[in-house]
Every structure is written in structure tokens, then in C-alpha cells.
Amino acid sequence: MGITKDVLENSVNRLTVNSKDKSIPTVNSNSGRVYPYLDGEDTTSEGVAIKLAEDLDDMKSLGYYQILAKETNPQILLDILNYTLETDKLGKIRTTKAIYFMFMLKIRGIRTKFKKEK
């Protein structure tokens, strides 16, 4: 037969993720933090640029990272940085972390404008 009435009435968790009950946290919740990778650090575009340059061991390109941080959502940059660092820990990067990061930006469709628009 089918599912009995007893099983349906005694189910432990009948609430779904998309429930209208506001007391249930979402699956991908990050506790409301906008920049989870910058705890206690500067969250301005300048701070994000410095973090990118330091973590990618590419301080000579700090100017580029400053432009990138001003034009792009910092959370996207930090997500790509985190992915790059995790990939590096696994030993899967054959070039430098900075080159791999640039490759990931290209895949995500992120372009940097170097010329000022008139």
C-alpha cells in the first residue's frame, strides 16, 4: 500500500528548506557576513586589492588588483581567490596562483577596463 497516516503524522521534520517559517536558517547561510574571508580586515576596495595581491604572491600587480576591486563585486573576487587557494593546496596549479586567478576571472566573464570612458 502507500504511506500510512501514522508515518505522515509522526515525521520528524516536515519543513522544507523553502519554508515560509523565518526561524529556519537557509542551507547556504553565512551568518549574514558579507565578506567571510576578510574577518577583521579592511573591506574597502583597497583592502580587497591588498588581500588579493598578498594571497596570490603578486604584489607587483597591486595596481591591477586595485582597478579590479573597484570595478568588480568584492565577494566574487574573494570567492575566486578562495577557490584558487584551495586548488593550490591540492597541488593542481601548474603556473602561478596569480595566473590561475586570472584564468578563473576569464571563465567567470569578468573583464577589467583600463581606459577611462569619455
PDB file of N, CA and C in Angstrom:
ATOM      1  N   MET A   1       0.833  -1.174   0.000  1.00  0.00           N
ATOM      2  CA  MET A   1       0.000   0.000   0.000  1.00  0.00           C
ATOM      3  C   MET A   1       0.880   1.241   0.000  1.00  0.00           C
ATOM      4  N   GLY A   2       0.354   2.360   0.360  1.00  0.00           N
ATOM      5  CA  GLY A   2       1.103   3.615   0.363  1.00  0.00           C
ATOM      6  C   GLY A   2       1.616   3.935   1.752  1.00  0.00           C
ATOM      7  N   ILE A   3       1.998   5.162   1.929  1.00  0.00           N
ATOM      8  CA  ILE A   3       2.483   5.616   3.229  1.00  0.00           C
ATOM      9  C   ILE A   3       1.286   5.775   4.150  1.00  0.00           C
ATOM     10  N   THR A   4       1.428   5.229   5.327  1.00  0.00           N
ATOM     11  CA  THR A   4       0.296   5.279   6.258  1.00  0.00           C
ATOM     12  C   THR A   4       0.183   6.644   6.918  1.00  0.00           C
ATOM     13  N   LYS A   5      -0.993   6.882   7.471  1.00  0.00           N
ATOM     14  CA  LYS A   5      -1.272   8.150   8.133  1.00  0.00           C
ATOM     15  C   LYS A   5      -0.348   8.357   9.329  1.00  0.00           C
ATOM     16  N   ASP A   6      -0.005   7.271  10.052  1.00  0.00           N
ATOM     17  CA  ASP A   6       0.873   7.371  11.216  1.00  0.00           C
ATOM     18  C   ASP A   6       2.260   7.895  10.829  1.00  0.00           C
ATOM     19  N   VAL A   7       2.791   7.425   9.726  1.00  0.00           N
ATOM     20  CA  VAL A   7       4.125   7.853   9.296  1.00  0.00           C
ATOM     21  C   VAL A   7       4.103   9.336   8.942  1.00  0.00           C
ATOM     22  N   LEU A   8       3.063   9.770   8.237  1.00  0.00           N
ATOM     23  CA  LEU A   8       2.958  11.171   7.859  1.00  0.00           C
ATOM     24  C   LEU A   8       2.803  12.081   9.075  1.00  0.00           C
ATOM     25  N   GLU A   9       2.032  11.668  10.058  1.00  0.00           N
ATOM     26  CA  GLU A   9       1.804  12.495  11.238  1.00  0.00           C
ATOM     27  C   GLU A   9       3.009  12.529  12.153  1.00  0.00           C
ATOM     28  N   ASN A  10       3.816  11.502  12.173  1.00  0.00           N
ATOM     29  CA  ASN A  10       4.947  11.425  13.084  1.00  0.00           C
ATOM     30  C   ASN A  10       6.287  11.727  12.418  1.00  0.00           C
ATOM     31  N   SER A  11       6.257  12.320  11.263  1.00  0.00           N
ATOM     32  CA  SER A  11       7.540  12.607  10.620  1.00  0.00           C
ATOM     33  C   SER A  11       8.301  13.631  11.449  1.00  0.00           C
ATOM     34  N   VAL A  12       9.583  13.464  11.529  1.00  0.00           N
ATOM     35  CA  VAL A  12      10.427  14.290  12.378  1.00  0.00           C
ATOM     36  C   VAL A  12      10.529  15.710  11.845  1.00  0.00           C
ATOM     37  N   ASN A  13      10.787  15.855  10.563  1.00  0.00           N
ATOM     38  CA  ASN A  13      10.993  17.185  10.008  1.00  0.00           C
ATOM     39  C   ASN A  13      10.206  17.314   8.717  1.00  0.00           C
ATOM     40  N   ARG A  14       9.056  17.938   8.814  1.00  0.00           N
ATOM     41  CA  ARG A  14       8.224  18.095   7.628  1.00  0.00           C
ATOM     42  C   ARG A  14       8.436  19.446   6.972  1.00  0.00           C
ATOM     43  N   LEU A  15       9.283  20.306   7.539  1.00  0.00           N
ATOM     44  CA  LEU A  15       9.520  21.621   6.969  1.00  0.00           C
ATOM     45  C   LEU A  15      10.559  21.519   5.856  1.00  0.00           C
ATOM     46  N   THR A  16      10.328  22.222   4.802  1.00  0.00           N
ATOM     47  CA  THR A  16      11.280  22.215   3.698  1.00  0.00           C
ATOM     48  C   THR A  16      12.221  23.409   3.803  1.00  0.00           C
ATOM     49  N   VAL A  17      13.265  23.388   3.013  1.00  0.00           N
ATOM     50  CA  VAL A  17      14.222  24.490   3.001  1.00  0.00           C
ATOM     51  C   VAL A  17      13.543  25.784   2.574  1.00  0.00           C
ATOM     52  N   ASN A  18      12.622  25.698   1.668  1.00  0.00           N
ATOM     53  CA  ASN A  18      11.937  26.881   1.167  1.00  0.00           C
ATOM     54  C   ASN A  18      10.713  27.255   1.992  1.00  0.00           C
ATOM     55  N   SER A  19      10.643  26.799   3.212  1.00  0.00           N
ATOM     56  CA  SER A  19       9.518  27.070   4.083  1.00  0.00           C
ATOM     57  C   SER A  19       9.379  28.564   4.348  1.00  0.00           C
ATOM     58  N   LYS A  20       8.156  29.003   4.601  1.00  0.00           N
ATOM     59  CA  LYS A  20       7.917  30.408   4.919  1.00  0.00           C
ATOM     60  C   LYS A  20       8.213  30.700   6.383  1.00  0.00           C
ATOM     61  N   ASP A  21       8.572  29.679   7.145  1.00  0.00           N
ATOM     62  CA  ASP A  21       8.929  29.862   8.547  1.00  0.00           C
ATOM     63  C   ASP A  21      10.284  30.573   8.611  1.00  0.00           C
ATOM     64  N   LYS A  22      10.298  31.808   9.072  1.00  0.00           N
ATOM     65  CA  LYS A  22      11.514  32.625   9.060  1.00  0.00           C
ATOM     66  C   LYS A  22      12.543  32.180  10.098  1.00  0.00           C
ATOM     67  N   SER A  23      12.199  31.278  10.995  1.00  0.00           N
ATOM     68  CA  SER A  23      13.152  30.865  12.023  1.00  0.00           C
ATOM     69  C   SER A  23      14.125  29.809  11.524  1.00  0.00           C
ATOM     70  N   ILE A  24      13.908  29.289  10.340  1.00  0.00           N
ATOM     71  CA  ILE A  24      14.782  28.252   9.804  1.00  0.00           C
ATOM     72  C   ILE A  24      15.879  28.907   8.975  1.00  0.00           C
ATOM     73  N   PRO A  25      17.162  28.669   9.312  1.00  0.00           N
ATOM     74  CA  PRO A  25      18.232  29.255   8.517  1.00  0.00           C
ATOM     75  C   PRO A  25      18.326  28.568   7.156  1.00  0.00           C
ATOM     76  N   THR A  26      18.827  29.275   6.178  1.00  0.00           N
ATOM     77  CA  THR A  26      18.974  28.678   4.863  1.00  0.00           C
ATOM     78  C   THR A  26      20.185  27.754   4.839  1.00  0.00           C
ATOM     79  N   VAL A  27      20.213  26.893   3.849  1.00  0.00           N
ATOM     80  CA  VAL A  27      21.295  25.920   3.739  1.00  0.00           C
ATOM     81  C   VAL A  27      22.635  26.599   3.532  1.00  0.00           C
ATOM     82  N   ASN A  28      22.687  27.621   2.692  1.00  0.00           N
ATOM     83  CA  ASN A  28      23.942  28.278   2.358  1.00  0.00           C
ATOM     84  C   ASN A  28      24.165  29.558   3.153  1.00  0.00           C
ATOM     85  N   SER A  29      23.597  29.668   4.318  1.00  0.00           N
ATOM     86  CA  SER A  29      23.729  30.875   5.117  1.00  0.00           C
ATOM     87  C   SER A  29      25.165  31.057   5.579  1.00  0.00           C
ATOM     88  N   ASN A  30      25.638  32.300   5.547  1.00  0.00           N
ATOM     89  CA  ASN A  30      26.977  32.593   6.065  1.00  0.00           C
ATOM     90  C   ASN A  30      26.878  33.530   7.263  1.00  0.00           C
ATOM     91  N   SER A  31      25.812  33.417   8.009  1.00  0.00           N
ATOM     92  CA  SER A  31      25.563  34.188   9.226  1.00  0.00           C
ATOM     93  C   SER A  31      25.491  35.680   8.973  1.00  0.00           C
ATOM     94  N   GLY A  32      25.153  36.076   7.764  1.00  0.00           N
ATOM     95  CA  GLY A  32      24.993  37.482   7.465  1.00  0.00           C
ATOM     96  C   GLY A  32      26.272  38.228   7.173  1.00  0.00           C
ATOM     97  N   ARG A  33      27.404  37.580   7.216  1.00  0.00           N
ATOM     98  CA  ARG A  33      28.658  38.265   6.927  1.00  0.00           C
ATOM     99  C   ARG A  33      28.769  38.460   5.425  1.00  0.00           C
ATOM    100  N   VAL A  34      29.085  39.667   5.025  1.00  0.00           N
ATOM    101  CA  VAL A  34      29.189  39.967   3.601  1.00  0.00           C
ATOM    102  C   VAL A  34      30.531  39.510   3.053  1.00  0.00           C
ATOM    103  N   TYR A  35      31.577  39.654   3.820  1.00  0.00           N
ATOM    104  CA  TYR A  35      32.924  39.284   3.377  1.00  0.00           C
ATOM    105  C   TYR A  35      33.501  38.233   4.323  1.00  0.00           C
ATOM    106  N   PRO A  36      33.107  36.967   4.174  1.00  0.00           N
ATOM    107  CA  PRO A  36      33.545  35.962   5.136  1.00  0.00           C
ATOM    108  C   PRO A  36      35.051  35.717   5.130  1.00  0.00           C
ATOM    109  N   TYR A  37      35.763  36.110   4.063  1.00  0.00           N
ATOM    110  CA  TYR A  37      37.199  35.861   4.013  1.00  0.00           C
ATOM    111  C   TYR A  37      38.003  37.013   4.581  1.00  0.00           C
ATOM    112  N   LEU A  38      37.348  38.091   4.987  1.00  0.00           N
ATOM    113  CA  LEU A  38      38.042  39.267   5.481  1.00  0.00           C
ATOM    114  C   LEU A  38      37.707  39.575   6.933  1.00  0.00           C
ATOM    115  N   ASP A  39      37.522  38.579   7.758  1.00  0.00           N
ATOM    116  CA  ASP A  39      37.182  38.820   9.151  1.00  0.00           C
ATOM    117  C   ASP A  39      38.242  39.700   9.800  1.00  0.00           C
ATOM    118  N   GLY A  40      37.813  40.862  10.274  1.00  0.00           N
ATOM    119  CA  GLY A  40      38.720  41.762  10.974  1.00  0.00           C
ATOM    120  C   GLY A  40      39.651  42.526  10.057  1.00  0.00           C
ATOM    121  N   GLU A  41      39.494  42.452   8.767  1.00  0.00           N
ATOM    122  CA  GLU A  41      40.375  43.141   7.832  1.00  0.00           C
ATOM    123  C   GLU A  41      39.616  44.240   7.105  1.00  0.00           C
ATOM    124  N   ASP A  42      40.347  45.041   6.351  1.00  0.00           N
ATOM    125  CA  ASP A  42      39.793  46.152   5.594  1.00  0.00           C
ATOM    126  C   ASP A  42      38.925  45.623   4.455  1.00  0.00           C
ATOM    127  N   THR A  43      37.646  46.028   4.421  1.00  0.00           N
ATOM    128  CA  THR A  43      36.732  45.536   3.396  1.00  0.00           C
ATOM    129  C   THR A  43      36.508  46.558   2.277  1.00  0.00           C
ATOM    130  N   THR A  44      37.326  47.610   2.241  1.00  0.00           N
ATOM    131  CA  THR A  44      37.229  48.557   1.142  1.00  0.00           C
ATOM    132  C   THR A  44      37.850  47.933  -0.103  1.00  0.00           C
ATOM    133  N   SER A  45      37.676  48.586  -1.251  1.00  0.00           N
ATOM    134  CA  SER A  45      38.285  48.048  -2.471  1.00  0.00           C
ATOM    135  C   SER A  45      39.802  48.000  -2.331  1.00  0.00           C
ATOM    136  N   GLU A  46      40.377  48.960  -1.623  1.00  0.00           N
ATOM    137  CA  GLU A  46      41.838  48.955  -1.390  1.00  0.00           C
ATOM    138  C   GLU A  46      42.247  47.753  -0.543  1.00  0.00           C
ATOM    139  N   GLY A  47      41.473  47.455   0.499  1.00  0.00           N
ATOM    140  CA  GLY A  47      41.774  46.307   1.354  1.00  0.00           C
ATOM    141  C   GLY A  47      41.650  44.994   0.609  1.00  0.00           C
ATOM    142  N   VAL A  48      40.632  44.882  -0.229  1.00  0.00           N
ATOM    143  CA  VAL A  48      40.441  43.660  -1.027  1.00  0.00           C
ATOM    144  C   VAL A  48      41.593  43.506  -2.007  1.00  0.00           C
ATOM    145  N   ALA A  49      42.026  44.613  -2.616  1.00  0.00           N
ATOM    146  CA  ALA A  49      43.138  44.568  -3.571  1.00  0.00           C
ATOM    147  C   ALA A  49      44.423  44.092  -2.902  1.00  0.00           C
ATOM    148  N   ILE A  50      44.684  44.592  -1.708  1.00  0.00           N
ATOM    149  CA  ILE A  50      45.887  44.178  -0.976  1.00  0.00           C
ATOM    150  C   ILE A  50      45.802  42.699  -0.609  1.00  0.00           C
ATOM    151  N   LYS A  51      44.635  42.256  -0.182  1.00  0.00           N
ATOM    152  CA  LYS A  51      44.457  40.831   0.157  1.00  0.00           C
ATOM    153  C   LYS A  51      44.712  39.960  -1.065  1.00  0.00           C
ATOM    154  N   LEU A  52      44.177  40.355  -2.231  1.00  0.00           N
ATOM    155  CA  LEU A  52      44.398  39.584  -3.454  1.00  0.00           C
ATOM    156  C   LEU A  52      45.885  39.516  -3.781  1.00  0.00           C
ATOM    157  N   ALA A  53      46.550  40.667  -3.763  1.00  0.00           N
ATOM    158  CA  ALA A  53      47.969  40.721  -4.114  1.00  0.00           C
ATOM    159  C   ALA A  53      48.817  39.882  -3.158  1.00  0.00           C
ATOM    160  N   GLU A  54      48.535  39.961  -1.865  1.00  0.00           N
ATOM    161  CA  GLU A  54      49.308  39.196  -0.880  1.00  0.00           C
ATOM    162  C   GLU A  54      49.069  37.700  -1.011  1.00  0.00           C
ATOM    163  N   ASP A  55      47.803  37.303  -1.074  1.00  0.00           N
ATOM    164  CA  ASP A  55      47.480  35.876  -1.112  1.00  0.00           C
ATOM    165  C   ASP A  55      47.903  35.209  -2.417  1.00  0.00           C
ATOM    166  N   LEU A  56      47.966  36.001  -3.488  1.00  0.00           N
ATOM    167  CA  LEU A  56      48.375  35.448  -4.783  1.00  0.00           C
ATOM    168  C   LEU A  56      49.881  35.601  -5.011  1.00  0.00           C
ATOM    169  N   ASP A  57      50.596  36.125  -4.007  1.00  0.00           N
ATOM    170  CA  ASP A  57      52.048  36.355  -4.109  1.00  0.00           C
ATOM    171  C   ASP A  57      52.373  37.178  -5.349  1.00  0.00           C
ATOM    172  N   ASP A  58      51.651  38.283  -5.534  1.00  0.00           N
ATOM    173  CA  ASP A  58      51.784  39.090  -6.748  1.00  0.00           C
ATOM    174  C   ASP A  58      51.682  40.577  -6.408  1.00  0.00           C
ATOM    175  N   MET A  59      52.510  41.055  -5.490  1.00  0.00           N
ATOM    176  CA  MET A  59      52.467  42.450  -5.070  1.00  0.00           C
ATOM    177  C   MET A  59      52.827  43.404  -6.205  1.00  0.00           C
ATOM    178  N   LYS A  60      53.568  42.931  -7.209  1.00  0.00           N
ATOM    179  CA  LYS A  60      53.934  43.816  -8.324  1.00  0.00           C
ATOM    180  C   LYS A  60      52.708  44.209  -9.147  1.00  0.00           C
ATOM    181  N   SER A  61      51.622  43.461  -9.034  1.00  0.00           N
ATOM    182  CA  SER A  61      50.394  43.748  -9.781  1.00  0.00           C
ATOM    183  C   SER A  61      49.322  44.399  -8.910  1.00  0.00           C
ATOM    184  N   LEU A  62      49.736  45.020  -7.816  1.00  0.00           N
ATOM    185  CA  LEU A  62      48.774  45.628  -6.895  1.00  0.00           C
ATOM    186  C   LEU A  62      47.885  46.653  -7.603  1.00  0.00           C
ATOM    187  N   GLY A  63      48.438  47.423  -8.517  1.00  0.00           N
ATOM    188  CA  GLY A  63      47.657  48.415  -9.257  1.00  0.00           C
ATOM    189  C   GLY A  63      46.512  47.774 -10.026  1.00  0.00           C
ATOM    190  N   TYR A  64      46.798  46.631 -10.646  1.00  0.00           N
ATOM    191  CA  TYR A  64      45.742  45.910 -11.372  1.00  0.00           C
ATOM    192  C   TYR A  64      44.655  45.436 -10.415  1.00  0.00           C
ATOM    193  N   TYR A  65      45.061  44.891  -9.274  1.00  0.00           N
ATOM    194  CA  TYR A  65      44.072  44.396  -8.311  1.00  0.00           C
ATOM    195  C   TYR A  65      43.229  45.545  -7.750  1.00  0.00           C
ATOM    196  N   GLN A  66      43.809  46.751  -7.647  1.00  0.00           N
ATOM    197  CA  GLN A  66      43.046  47.905  -7.182  1.00  0.00           C
ATOM    198  C   GLN A  66      41.952  48.258  -8.191  1.00  0.00           C
ATOM    199  N   ILE A  67      42.303  48.259  -9.468  1.00  0.00           N
ATOM    200  CA  ILE A  67      41.307  48.528 -10.513  1.00  0.00           C
ATOM    201  C   ILE A  67      40.231  47.450 -10.492  1.00  0.00           C
ATOM    202  N   LEU A  68      40.655  46.197 -10.394  1.00  0.00           N
ATOM    203  CA  LEU A  68      39.732  45.067 -10.390  1.00  0.00           C
ATOM    204  C   LEU A  68      38.765  45.157  -9.209  1.00  0.00           C
ATOM    205  N   ALA A  69      39.285  45.501  -8.034  1.00  0.00           N
ATOM    206  CA  ALA A  69      38.456  45.585  -6.837  1.00  0.00           C
ATOM    207  C   ALA A  69      37.457  46.736  -6.901  1.00  0.00           C
ATOM    208  N   LYS A  70      37.802  47.807  -7.597  1.00  0.00           N
ATOM    209  CA  LYS A  70      36.883  48.941  -7.732  1.00  0.00           C
ATOM    210  C   LYS A  70      35.743  48.621  -8.695  1.00  0.00           C
ATOM    211  N   GLU A  71      36.007  47.794  -9.703  1.00  0.00           N
ATOM    212  CA  GLU A  71      35.027  47.535 -10.754  1.00  0.00           C
ATOM    213  C   GLU A  71      34.209  46.264 -10.557  1.00  0.00           C
ATOM    214  N   THR A  72      34.633  45.397  -9.649  1.00  0.00           N
ATOM    215  CA  THR A  72      34.001  44.080  -9.506  1.00  0.00           C
ATOM    216  C   THR A  72      33.503  43.895  -8.084  1.00  0.00           C
ATOM    217  N   ASN A  73      32.431  43.153  -7.948  1.00  0.00           N
ATOM    218  CA  ASN A  73      31.888  42.821  -6.635  1.00  0.00           C
ATOM    219  C   ASN A  73      32.967  42.106  -5.808  1.00  0.00           C
ATOM    220  N   PRO A  74      33.332  42.653  -4.640  1.00  0.00           N
ATOM    221  CA  PRO A  74      34.394  42.046  -3.831  1.00  0.00           C
ATOM    222  C   PRO A  74      34.110  40.591  -3.455  1.00  0.00           C
ATOM    223  N   GLN A  75      32.847  40.251  -3.230  1.00  0.00           N
ATOM    224  CA  GLN A  75      32.520  38.874  -2.841  1.00  0.00           C
ATOM    225  C   GLN A  75      32.874  37.894  -3.952  1.00  0.00           C
ATOM    226  N   ILE A  76      32.645  38.285  -5.198  1.00  0.00           N
ATOM    227  CA  ILE A  76      33.001  37.415  -6.325  1.00  0.00           C
ATOM    228  C   ILE A  76      34.507  37.224  -6.366  1.00  0.00           C
ATOM    229  N   LEU A  77      35.259  38.316  -6.198  1.00  0.00           N
ATOM    230  CA  LEU A  77      36.722  38.221  -6.211  1.00  0.00           C
ATOM    231  C   LEU A  77      37.228  37.328  -5.090  1.00  0.00           C
ATOM    232  N   LEU A  78      36.636  37.481  -3.919  1.00  0.00           N
ATOM    233  CA  LEU A  78      37.078  36.680  -2.776  1.00  0.00           C
ATOM    234  C   LEU A  78      36.692  35.208  -2.937  1.00  0.00           C
ATOM    235  N   ASP A  79      35.568  34.939  -3.571  1.00  0.00           N
ATOM    236  CA  ASP A  79      35.184  33.555  -3.851  1.00  0.00           C
ATOM    237  C   ASP A  79      36.180  32.914  -4.822  1.00  0.00           C
ATOM    238  N   ILE A  80      36.564  33.662  -5.856  1.00  0.00           N
ATOM    239  CA  ILE A  80      37.528  33.142  -6.825  1.00  0.00           C
ATOM    240  C   ILE A  80      38.899  32.981  -6.160  1.00  0.00           C
ATOM    241  N   LEU A  81      39.266  33.921  -5.296  1.00  0.00           N
ATOM    242  CA  LEU A  81      40.524  33.804  -4.554  1.00  0.00           C
ATOM    243  C   LEU A  81      40.518  32.554  -3.694  1.00  0.00           C
ATOM    244  N   ASN A  82      39.435  32.324  -2.980  1.00  0.00           N
ATOM    245  CA  ASN A  82      39.334  31.135  -2.132  1.00  0.00           C
ATOM    246  C   ASN A  82      39.456  29.860  -2.959  1.00  0.00           C
ATOM    247  N   TYR A  83      38.780  29.820  -4.102  1.00  0.00           N
ATOM    248  CA  TYR A  83      38.859  28.653  -4.987  1.00  0.00           C
ATOM    249  C   TYR A  83      40.292  28.447  -5.469  1.00  0.00           C
ATOM    250  N   THR A  84      40.957  29.541  -5.827  1.00  0.00           N
ATOM    251  CA  THR A  84      42.344  29.470  -6.283  1.00  0.00           C
ATOM    252  C   THR A  84      43.257  28.931  -5.193  1.00  0.00           C
ATOM    253  N   LEU A  85      43.103  29.416  -3.979  1.00  0.00           N
ATOM    254  CA  LEU A  85      43.949  28.969  -2.870  1.00  0.00           C
ATOM    255  C   LEU A  85      43.697  27.498  -2.531  1.00  0.00           C
ATOM    256  N   GLU A  86      42.431  27.081  -2.589  1.00  0.00           N
ATOM    257  CA  GLU A  86      42.109  25.667  -2.337  1.00  0.00           C
ATOM    258  C   GLU A  86      42.703  24.776  -3.427  1.00  0.00           C
ATOM    259  N   THR A  87      42.633  25.225  -4.677  1.00  0.00           N
ATOM    260  CA  THR A  87      43.203  24.463  -5.788  1.00  0.00           C
ATOM    261  C   THR A  87      44.711  24.365  -5.637  1.00  0.00           C
ATOM    262  N   ASP A  88      45.337  25.452  -5.169  1.00  0.00           N
ATOM    263  CA  ASP A  88      46.787  25.452  -4.942  1.00  0.00           C
ATOM    264  C   ASP A  88      47.167  24.470  -3.833  1.00  0.00           C
ATOM    265  N   LYS A  89      46.371  24.421  -2.772  1.00  0.00           N
ATOM    266  CA  LYS A  89      46.647  23.472  -1.680  1.00  0.00           C
ATOM    267  C   LYS A  89      46.614  22.032  -2.170  1.00  0.00           C
ATOM    268  N   LEU A  90      45.760  21.764  -3.149  1.00  0.00           N
ATOM    269  CA  LEU A  90      45.665  20.413  -3.712  1.00  0.00           C
ATOM    270  C   LEU A  90      46.784  20.123  -4.704  1.00  0.00           C
ATOM    271  N   GLY A  91      47.595  21.138  -5.015  1.00  0.00           N
ATOM    272  CA  GLY A  91      48.710  20.962  -5.939  1.00  0.00           C
ATOM    273  C   GLY A  91      48.298  20.851  -7.389  1.00  0.00           C
ATOM    274  N   LYS A  92      47.180  21.438  -7.741  1.00  0.00           N
ATOM    275  CA  LYS A  92      46.667  21.307  -9.102  1.00  0.00           C
ATOM    276  C   LYS A  92      46.968  22.514  -9.989  1.00  0.00           C
ATOM    277  N   ILE A  93      47.702  23.493  -9.480  1.00  0.00           N
ATOM    278  CA  ILE A  93      48.046  24.664 -10.281  1.00  0.00           C
ATOM    279  C   ILE A  93      49.448  24.467 -10.847  1.00  0.00           C
ATOM    280  N   ARG A  94      49.551  24.487 -12.178  1.00  0.00           N
ATOM    281  CA  ARG A  94      50.843  24.270 -12.837  1.00  0.00           C
ATOM    282  C   ARG A  94      51.590  25.580 -13.102  1.00  0.00           C
ATOM    283  N   THR A  95      50.888  26.698 -13.029  1.00  0.00           N
ATOM    284  CA  THR A  95      51.520  28.001 -13.234  1.00  0.00           C
ATOM    285  C   THR A  95      51.622  28.691 -11.878  1.00  0.00           C
ATOM    286  N   THR A  96      51.429  29.993 -11.846  1.00  0.00           N
ATOM    287  CA  THR A  96      51.390  30.701 -10.562  1.00  0.00           C
ATOM    288  C   THR A  96      49.939  30.865 -10.118  1.00  0.00           C
ATOM    289  N   LYS A  97      49.771  31.170  -8.839  1.00  0.00           N
ATOM    290  CA  LYS A  97      48.407  31.399  -8.334  1.00  0.00           C
ATOM    291  C   LYS A  97      47.770  32.602  -9.030  1.00  0.00           C
ATOM    292  N   ALA A  98      48.573  33.626  -9.316  1.00  0.00           N
ATOM    293  CA  ALA A  98      48.045  34.831  -9.967  1.00  0.00           C
ATOM    294  C   ALA A  98      47.532  34.519 -11.372  1.00  0.00           C
ATOM    295  N   ILE A  99      48.278  33.733 -12.128  1.00  0.00           N
ATOM    296  CA  ILE A  99      47.849  33.369 -13.483  1.00  0.00           C
ATOM    297  C   ILE A  99      46.581  32.532 -13.428  1.00  0.00           C
ATOM    298  N   TYR A 100      46.524  31.599 -12.495  1.00  0.00           N
ATOM    299  CA  TYR A 100      45.330  30.769 -12.345  1.00  0.00           C
ATOM    300  C   TYR A 100      44.122  31.632 -11.959  1.00  0.00           C
ATOM    301  N   PHE A 101      44.340  32.597 -11.056  1.00  0.00           N
ATOM    302  CA  PHE A 101      43.275  33.510 -10.652  1.00  0.00           C
ATOM    303  C   PHE A 101      42.746  34.279 -11.861  1.00  0.00           C
ATOM    304  N   MET A 102      43.648  34.765 -12.706  1.00  0.00           N
ATOM    305  CA  MET A 102      43.247  35.491 -13.912  1.00  0.00           C
ATOM    306  C   MET A 102      42.449  34.589 -14.849  1.00  0.00           C
ATOM    307  N   PHE A 103      42.856  33.345 -14.958  1.00  0.00           N
ATOM    308  CA  PHE A 103      42.137  32.375 -15.780  1.00  0.00           C
ATOM    309  C   PHE A 103      40.713  32.187 -15.249  1.00  0.00           C
ATOM    310  N   MET A 104      40.576  32.081 -13.941  1.00  0.00           N
ATOM    311  CA  MET A 104      39.253  31.907 -13.341  1.00  0.00           C
ATOM    312  C   MET A 104      38.380  33.158 -13.551  1.00  0.00           C
ATOM    313  N   LEU A 105      38.991  34.339 -13.520  1.00  0.00           N
ATOM    314  CA  LEU A 105      38.246  35.562 -13.814  1.00  0.00           C
ATOM    315  C   LEU A 105      37.704  35.516 -15.235  1.00  0.00           C
ATOM    316  N   LYS A 106      38.547  35.066 -16.157  1.00  0.00           N
ATOM    317  CA  LYS A 106      38.144  34.989 -17.562  1.00  0.00           C
ATOM    318  C   LYS A 106      36.985  34.015 -17.738  1.00  0.00           C
ATOM    319  N   ILE A 107      37.050  32.883 -17.063  1.00  0.00           N
ATOM    320  CA  ILE A 107      35.976  31.892 -17.142  1.00  0.00           C
ATOM    321  C   ILE A 107      34.664  32.475 -16.621  1.00  0.00           C
ATOM    322  N   ARG A 108      34.731  33.263 -15.564  1.00  0.00           N
ATOM    323  CA  ARG A 108      33.531  33.880 -14.985  1.00  0.00           C
ATOM    324  C   ARG A 108      33.034  35.073 -15.802  1.00  0.00           C
ATOM    325  N   GLY A 109      33.803  35.464 -16.821  1.00  0.00           N
ATOM    326  CA  GLY A 109      33.392  36.572 -17.679  1.00  0.00           C
ATOM    327  C   GLY A 109      33.694  37.933 -17.104  1.00  0.00           C
ATOM    328  N   ILE A 110      34.629  38.019 -16.183  1.00  0.00           N
ATOM    329  CA  ILE A 110      34.980  39.289 -15.561  1.00  0.00           C
ATOM    330  C   ILE A 110      36.093  39.947 -16.364  1.00  0.00           C
ATOM    331  N   ARG A 111      35.816  41.145 -16.840  1.00  0.00           N
ATOM    332  CA  ARG A 111      36.770  41.906 -17.634  1.00  0.00           C
ATOM    333  C   ARG A 111      37.112  43.191 -16.877  1.00  0.00           C
ATOM    334  N   THR A 112      38.320  43.692 -17.082  1.00  0.00           N
ATOM    335  CA  THR A 112      38.752  44.919 -16.434  1.00  0.00           C
ATOM    336  C   THR A 112      38.928  46.006 -17.477  1.00  0.00           C
ATOM    337  N   LYS A 113      38.373  47.157 -17.211  1.00  0.00           N
ATOM    338  CA  LYS A 113      38.512  48.292 -18.120  1.00  0.00           C
ATOM    339  C   LYS A 113      39.703  49.128 -17.664  1.00  0.00           C
ATOM    340  N   PHE A 114      40.677  49.310 -18.554  1.00  0.00           N
ATOM    341  CA  PHE A 114      41.848  50.093 -18.218  1.00  0.00           C
ATOM    342  C   PHE A 114      41.743  51.527 -18.710  1.00  0.00           C
ATOM    343  N   LYS A 115      40.923  51.753 -19.717  1.00  0.00           N
ATOM    344  CA  LYS A 115      40.767  53.089 -20.277  1.00  0.00           C
ATOM    345  C   LYS A 115      39.526  53.748 -19.688  1.00  0.00           C
ATOM    346  N   LYS A 116      39.648  55.041 -19.439  1.00  0.00           N
ATOM    347  CA  LYS A 116      38.501  55.787 -18.925  1.00  0.00           C
ATOM    348  C   LYS A 116      37.545  56.054 -20.077  1.00  0.00           C
ATOM    349  N   GLU A 117      36.268  55.856 -19.815  1.00  0.00           N
ATOM    350  CA  GLU A 117      35.255  56.130 -20.830  1.00  0.00           C
ATOM    351  C   GLU A 117      34.974  57.621 -20.842  1.00  0.00           C
ATOM    352  N   LYS A 118      34.763  58.178 -22.038  1.00  0.00           N
ATOM    353  CA  LYS A 118      34.534  59.623 -22.166  1.00  0.00           C
ATOM    354  C   LYS A 118      33.069  59.948 -22.093  1.00  0.00           C
TER     355      LYS A 118
END
